[in-house]
Amino acid sequence: LFERCLDTVTSPQDFCESWYRCEHGFADLRRGNVEEWLAWGMFHKHDYENEMNHEERAELSDIVDRFEEACRKDPSCKHDDFRFPEGYNDKAILMKFSGEPVHHQH
């Protein structure tokens, strides 16, 4: 499924960045941010660190690795050895539409 989704994307970096509200875009993202996004998008896990079992975590890690590879192939990538920095940037807010509360106004 991941490969089929990725095949429809012209720029992995732009696509990934479009799911976040952050100051510097793609450069703000860390591996933990991308794990959070893909856990939600591919596994429908909102709290991936606590909701995923060992096998799912291993598969998620593999998916993130493949996403990094796709980013390296993107012509806009300036690094042949691109990897997301380790960690998590809590200022990069993921827009999980199925997991965020809806606030009503009248």
N, C-alpha and C. Protein backbone atom coordinates (compact mmCIF):
# COMPACT_ATOMS: atom_id res chain seq x y z
N LEU A 1 0.83 -1.19 0.00
CA LEU A 1 0.00 0.00 0.00
C LEU A 1 0.87 1.26 0.00
N PHE A 2 1.92 1.24 0.82
CA PHE A 2 2.79 2.41 0.90
C PHE A 2 3.39 2.74 -0.46
N GLU A 3 3.89 1.72 -1.15
CA GLU A 3 4.51 1.94 -2.46
C GLU A 3 3.50 2.50 -3.46
N ARG A 4 2.28 1.99 -3.43
CA ARG A 4 1.24 2.49 -4.33
C ARG A 4 0.93 3.95 -4.04
N CYS A 5 0.87 4.31 -2.77
CA CYS A 5 0.63 5.71 -2.40
C CYS A 5 1.79 6.59 -2.87
N LEU A 6 3.00 6.13 -2.63
CA LEU A 6 4.18 6.91 -2.98
C LEU A 6 4.30 7.12 -4.49
N ASP A 7 3.83 6.15 -5.26
CA ASP A 7 3.88 6.26 -6.72
C ASP A 7 3.04 7.43 -7.24
N THR A 8 2.08 7.90 -6.47
CA THR A 8 1.21 8.99 -6.92
C THR A 8 1.77 10.36 -6.55
N VAL A 9 2.87 10.39 -5.83
CA VAL A 9 3.44 11.64 -5.31
C VAL A 9 4.58 12.11 -6.22
N THR A 10 4.52 13.37 -6.66
CA THR A 10 5.59 13.90 -7.50
C THR A 10 6.80 14.33 -6.69
N SER A 11 6.57 14.85 -5.48
CA SER A 11 7.68 15.25 -4.61
C SER A 11 7.40 14.75 -3.20
N PRO A 12 8.11 13.72 -2.75
CA PRO A 12 7.89 13.21 -1.39
C PRO A 12 8.06 14.29 -0.33
N GLN A 13 9.04 15.16 -0.52
CA GLN A 13 9.28 16.20 0.47
C GLN A 13 8.10 17.17 0.56
N ASP A 14 7.60 17.62 -0.59
CA ASP A 14 6.47 18.53 -0.58
C ASP A 14 5.23 17.87 0.00
N PHE A 15 5.01 16.60 -0.36
CA PHE A 15 3.84 15.88 0.15
C PHE A 15 3.91 15.76 1.66
N CYS A 16 5.04 15.34 2.18
CA CYS A 16 5.21 15.19 3.62
C CYS A 16 5.02 16.53 4.32
N GLU A 17 5.64 17.55 3.81
CA GLU A 17 5.57 18.88 4.41
C GLU A 17 4.13 19.40 4.46
N SER A 18 3.31 19.01 3.49
CA SER A 18 1.95 19.53 3.42
C SER A 18 1.07 19.05 4.58
N TRP A 19 1.51 18.04 5.32
CA TRP A 19 0.74 17.52 6.45
C TRP A 19 1.08 18.22 7.76
N TYR A 20 2.00 19.17 7.71
CA TYR A 20 2.48 19.80 8.95
C TYR A 20 2.29 21.31 8.94
N ARG A 21 2.12 21.84 10.14
CA ARG A 21 2.22 23.28 10.37
C ARG A 21 3.53 23.47 11.12
N CYS A 22 4.49 24.09 10.45
CA CYS A 22 5.78 24.33 11.09
C CYS A 22 6.47 25.51 10.41
N GLU A 23 7.38 26.10 11.12
CA GLU A 23 8.02 27.34 10.67
C GLU A 23 8.87 27.16 9.41
N HIS A 24 9.70 26.14 9.38
CA HIS A 24 10.65 25.97 8.28
C HIS A 24 10.32 24.78 7.38
N GLY A 25 9.12 24.27 7.47
CA GLY A 25 8.70 23.19 6.59
C GLY A 25 9.46 21.90 6.81
N PHE A 26 9.82 21.27 5.72
CA PHE A 26 10.45 19.95 5.73
C PHE A 26 11.69 19.90 6.62
N ALA A 27 12.44 20.98 6.67
CA ALA A 27 13.67 21.02 7.46
C ALA A 27 13.40 20.89 8.96
N ASP A 28 12.18 21.19 9.39
CA ASP A 28 11.83 21.09 10.81
C ASP A 28 11.55 19.66 11.25
N LEU A 29 11.32 18.76 10.32
CA LEU A 29 10.87 17.42 10.66
C LEU A 29 12.02 16.52 11.11
N ARG A 30 11.73 15.72 12.11
CA ARG A 30 12.65 14.73 12.64
C ARG A 30 12.06 13.35 12.38
N ARG A 31 12.84 12.32 12.57
CA ARG A 31 12.36 10.96 12.31
C ARG A 31 11.10 10.65 13.11
N GLY A 32 11.04 11.09 14.35
CA GLY A 32 9.86 10.85 15.18
C GLY A 32 8.61 11.50 14.60
N ASN A 33 8.76 12.67 13.99
CA ASN A 33 7.60 13.33 13.36
C ASN A 33 7.09 12.51 12.19
N VAL A 34 8.02 12.00 11.40
CA VAL A 34 7.63 11.21 10.23
C VAL A 34 7.05 9.87 10.67
N GLU A 35 7.59 9.28 11.72
CA GLU A 35 7.00 8.05 12.26
C GLU A 35 5.56 8.31 12.71
N GLU A 36 5.33 9.42 13.38
CA GLU A 36 3.99 9.77 13.84
C GLU A 36 3.03 9.90 12.65
N TRP A 37 3.46 10.60 11.60
CA TRP A 37 2.63 10.81 10.41
C TRP A 37 2.30 9.48 9.73
N LEU A 38 3.32 8.65 9.51
CA LEU A 38 3.09 7.40 8.80
C LEU A 38 2.37 6.36 9.66
N ALA A 39 2.55 6.41 10.98
CA ALA A 39 1.79 5.51 11.86
C ALA A 39 0.30 5.86 11.78
N TRP A 40 0.00 7.13 11.75
CA TRP A 40 -1.38 7.56 11.62
C TRP A 40 -1.93 7.22 10.23
N GLY A 41 -1.16 7.55 9.19
CA GLY A 41 -1.63 7.36 7.83
C GLY A 41 -1.70 5.92 7.37
N MET A 42 -0.76 5.09 7.81
CA MET A 42 -0.69 3.72 7.32
C MET A 42 -1.31 2.70 8.29
N PHE A 43 -1.31 3.02 9.59
CA PHE A 43 -1.79 2.07 10.59
C PHE A 43 -2.99 2.59 11.38
N HIS A 44 -3.36 3.83 11.17
CA HIS A 44 -4.42 4.51 11.91
C HIS A 44 -4.16 4.46 13.42
N LYS A 45 -2.93 4.78 13.79
CA LYS A 45 -2.52 4.84 15.19
C LYS A 45 -2.28 6.30 15.55
N HIS A 46 -2.98 6.78 16.56
CA HIS A 46 -2.85 8.18 16.96
C HIS A 46 -1.74 8.37 18.00
N ASP A 47 -1.49 7.37 18.80
CA ASP A 47 -0.42 7.41 19.80
C ASP A 47 0.52 6.26 19.49
N TYR A 48 1.30 6.44 18.43
CA TYR A 48 2.06 5.33 17.87
C TYR A 48 3.04 4.70 18.86
N GLU A 49 3.59 5.48 19.75
CA GLU A 49 4.58 4.93 20.68
C GLU A 49 3.95 3.93 21.65
N ASN A 50 2.67 4.12 21.97
CA ASN A 50 2.00 3.24 22.93
C ASN A 50 1.04 2.25 22.29
N GLU A 51 0.59 2.51 21.07
CA GLU A 51 -0.43 1.68 20.44
C GLU A 51 0.13 0.60 19.51
N MET A 52 1.38 0.71 19.13
CA MET A 52 1.92 -0.22 18.14
C MET A 52 2.70 -1.35 18.80
N ASN A 53 2.49 -2.58 18.30
CA ASN A 53 3.25 -3.71 18.82
C ASN A 53 4.62 -3.76 18.11
N HIS A 54 5.42 -4.73 18.50
CA HIS A 54 6.79 -4.83 17.98
C HIS A 54 6.83 -4.99 16.46
N GLU A 55 5.96 -5.85 15.92
CA GLU A 55 5.95 -6.08 14.47
C GLU A 55 5.54 -4.81 13.71
N GLU A 56 4.54 -4.12 14.23
CA GLU A 56 4.11 -2.87 13.58
C GLU A 56 5.21 -1.82 13.63
N ARG A 57 5.91 -1.73 14.76
CA ARG A 57 7.02 -0.76 14.88
C ARG A 57 8.13 -1.09 13.89
N ALA A 58 8.43 -2.36 13.71
CA ALA A 58 9.46 -2.76 12.74
C ALA A 58 9.02 -2.41 11.33
N GLU A 59 7.76 -2.65 11.01
CA GLU A 59 7.25 -2.30 9.68
C GLU A 59 7.25 -0.79 9.48
N LEU A 60 6.88 -0.05 10.52
CA LEU A 60 6.90 1.41 10.44
C LEU A 60 8.32 1.92 10.18
N SER A 61 9.29 1.37 10.86
CA SER A 61 10.68 1.76 10.66
C SER A 61 11.11 1.51 9.22
N ASP A 62 10.70 0.37 8.68
CA ASP A 62 11.01 0.05 7.28
C ASP A 62 10.35 1.05 6.33
N ILE A 63 9.12 1.43 6.61
CA ILE A 63 8.41 2.40 5.77
C ILE A 63 9.11 3.76 5.81
N VAL A 64 9.54 4.18 7.00
CA VAL A 64 10.26 5.45 7.11
C VAL A 64 11.57 5.38 6.33
N ASP A 65 12.27 4.26 6.41
CA ASP A 65 13.50 4.08 5.63
C ASP A 65 13.23 4.20 4.13
N ARG A 66 12.15 3.58 3.67
CA ARG A 66 11.80 3.65 2.25
C ARG A 66 11.37 5.07 1.86
N PHE A 67 10.74 5.79 2.78
CA PHE A 67 10.38 7.18 2.49
C PHE A 67 11.64 8.04 2.38
N GLU A 68 12.60 7.81 3.25
CA GLU A 68 13.88 8.53 3.15
C GLU A 68 14.54 8.25 1.80
N GLU A 69 14.48 7.00 1.36
CA GLU A 69 15.05 6.65 0.06
C GLU A 69 14.34 7.41 -1.06
N ALA A 70 13.02 7.49 -0.98
CA ALA A 70 12.26 8.25 -1.98
C ALA A 70 12.65 9.72 -1.96
N CYS A 71 12.89 10.26 -0.78
CA CYS A 71 13.33 11.66 -0.67
C CYS A 71 14.69 11.86 -1.32
N ARG A 72 15.60 10.89 -1.13
CA ARG A 72 16.93 10.99 -1.75
C ARG A 72 16.85 11.00 -3.26
N LYS A 73 15.86 10.31 -3.82
CA LYS A 73 15.68 10.25 -5.28
C LYS A 73 15.01 11.50 -5.83
N ASP A 74 14.40 12.29 -4.96
CA ASP A 74 13.71 13.52 -5.38
C ASP A 74 14.77 14.52 -5.87
N PRO A 75 14.60 15.07 -7.09
CA PRO A 75 15.58 16.04 -7.61
C PRO A 75 15.81 17.24 -6.71
N SER A 76 14.83 17.59 -5.88
CA SER A 76 15.01 18.75 -5.01
C SER A 76 15.85 18.44 -3.77
N CYS A 77 16.15 17.15 -3.55
CA CYS A 77 16.97 16.75 -2.40
C CYS A 77 18.43 17.06 -2.72
N LYS A 78 19.08 17.73 -1.79
CA LYS A 78 20.46 18.14 -2.02
C LYS A 78 21.48 17.19 -1.37
N HIS A 79 20.99 16.10 -0.79
CA HIS A 79 21.88 15.18 -0.09
C HIS A 79 21.66 13.75 -0.56
N ASP A 80 22.69 13.13 -1.11
CA ASP A 80 22.60 11.73 -1.54
C ASP A 80 22.44 10.77 -0.37
N ASP A 81 22.81 11.23 0.83
CA ASP A 81 22.72 10.38 2.01
C ASP A 81 21.65 10.87 2.98
N PHE A 82 20.60 11.50 2.45
CA PHE A 82 19.56 12.11 3.29
C PHE A 82 18.96 11.10 4.28
N ARG A 83 18.87 11.52 5.51
CA ARG A 83 18.16 10.81 6.58
C ARG A 83 17.51 11.87 7.46
N PHE A 84 16.33 11.56 7.99
CA PHE A 84 15.74 12.48 8.95
C PHE A 84 16.57 12.47 10.21
N PRO A 85 16.83 13.62 10.79
CA PRO A 85 17.55 13.63 12.07
C PRO A 85 16.74 12.88 13.12
N GLU A 86 17.42 12.20 14.02
CA GLU A 86 16.74 11.49 15.10
C GLU A 86 16.00 12.49 15.99
N GLY A 87 15.01 12.00 16.70
CA GLY A 87 14.28 12.82 17.65
C GLY A 87 12.90 13.21 17.16
N TYR A 88 12.33 14.18 17.83
CA TYR A 88 10.98 14.63 17.56
C TYR A 88 10.93 16.13 17.79
N ASN A 89 10.38 16.87 16.84
CA ASN A 89 10.23 18.31 16.97
C ASN A 89 8.79 18.61 17.34
N ASP A 90 8.55 18.98 18.60
CA ASP A 90 7.17 19.21 19.04
C ASP A 90 6.58 20.51 18.50
N LYS A 91 7.38 21.30 17.80
CA LYS A 91 6.85 22.52 17.16
C LYS A 91 6.33 22.24 15.75
N ALA A 92 6.58 21.05 15.22
CA ALA A 92 6.04 20.63 13.92
C ALA A 92 4.73 19.90 14.21
N ILE A 93 3.63 20.57 13.94
CA ILE A 93 2.31 20.04 14.30
C ILE A 93 1.72 19.26 13.13
N LEU A 94 1.49 17.97 13.36
CA LEU A 94 0.89 17.10 12.34
C LEU A 94 -0.62 17.34 12.31
N MET A 95 -1.15 17.51 11.12
CA MET A 95 -2.59 17.72 10.95
C MET A 95 -3.26 16.37 10.70
N LYS A 96 -3.66 15.71 11.78
CA LYS A 96 -4.34 14.42 11.70
C LYS A 96 -5.85 14.68 11.72
N PHE A 97 -6.42 14.80 10.56
CA PHE A 97 -7.81 15.20 10.46
C PHE A 97 -8.77 14.23 11.14
N SER A 98 -8.45 12.96 11.16
CA SER A 98 -9.36 11.99 11.79
C SER A 98 -9.13 11.88 13.29
N GLY A 99 -8.17 12.58 13.81
CA GLY A 99 -7.87 12.47 15.24
C GLY A 99 -7.97 13.77 16.00
N GLU A 100 -8.24 14.85 15.31
CA GLU A 100 -8.33 16.15 15.98
C GLU A 100 -9.79 16.47 16.31
N PRO A 101 -10.01 17.12 17.43
CA PRO A 101 -11.39 17.48 17.78
C PRO A 101 -11.96 18.51 16.81
N VAL A 102 -13.25 18.47 16.64
CA VAL A 102 -13.95 19.45 15.81
C VAL A 102 -14.59 20.46 16.75
N HIS A 103 -14.28 21.72 16.56
CA HIS A 103 -14.84 22.80 17.38
C HIS A 103 -15.95 23.47 16.61
N HIS A 104 -17.13 23.48 17.19
CA HIS A 104 -18.29 24.05 16.51
C HIS A 104 -18.48 25.51 16.92
N GLN A 105 -18.86 26.33 15.98
CA GLN A 105 -19.21 27.72 16.26
C GLN A 105 -20.55 28.01 15.63
N HIS A 106 -21.35 28.81 16.32
CA HIS A 106 -22.64 29.20 15.77
C HIS A 106 -22.68 30.69 15.56
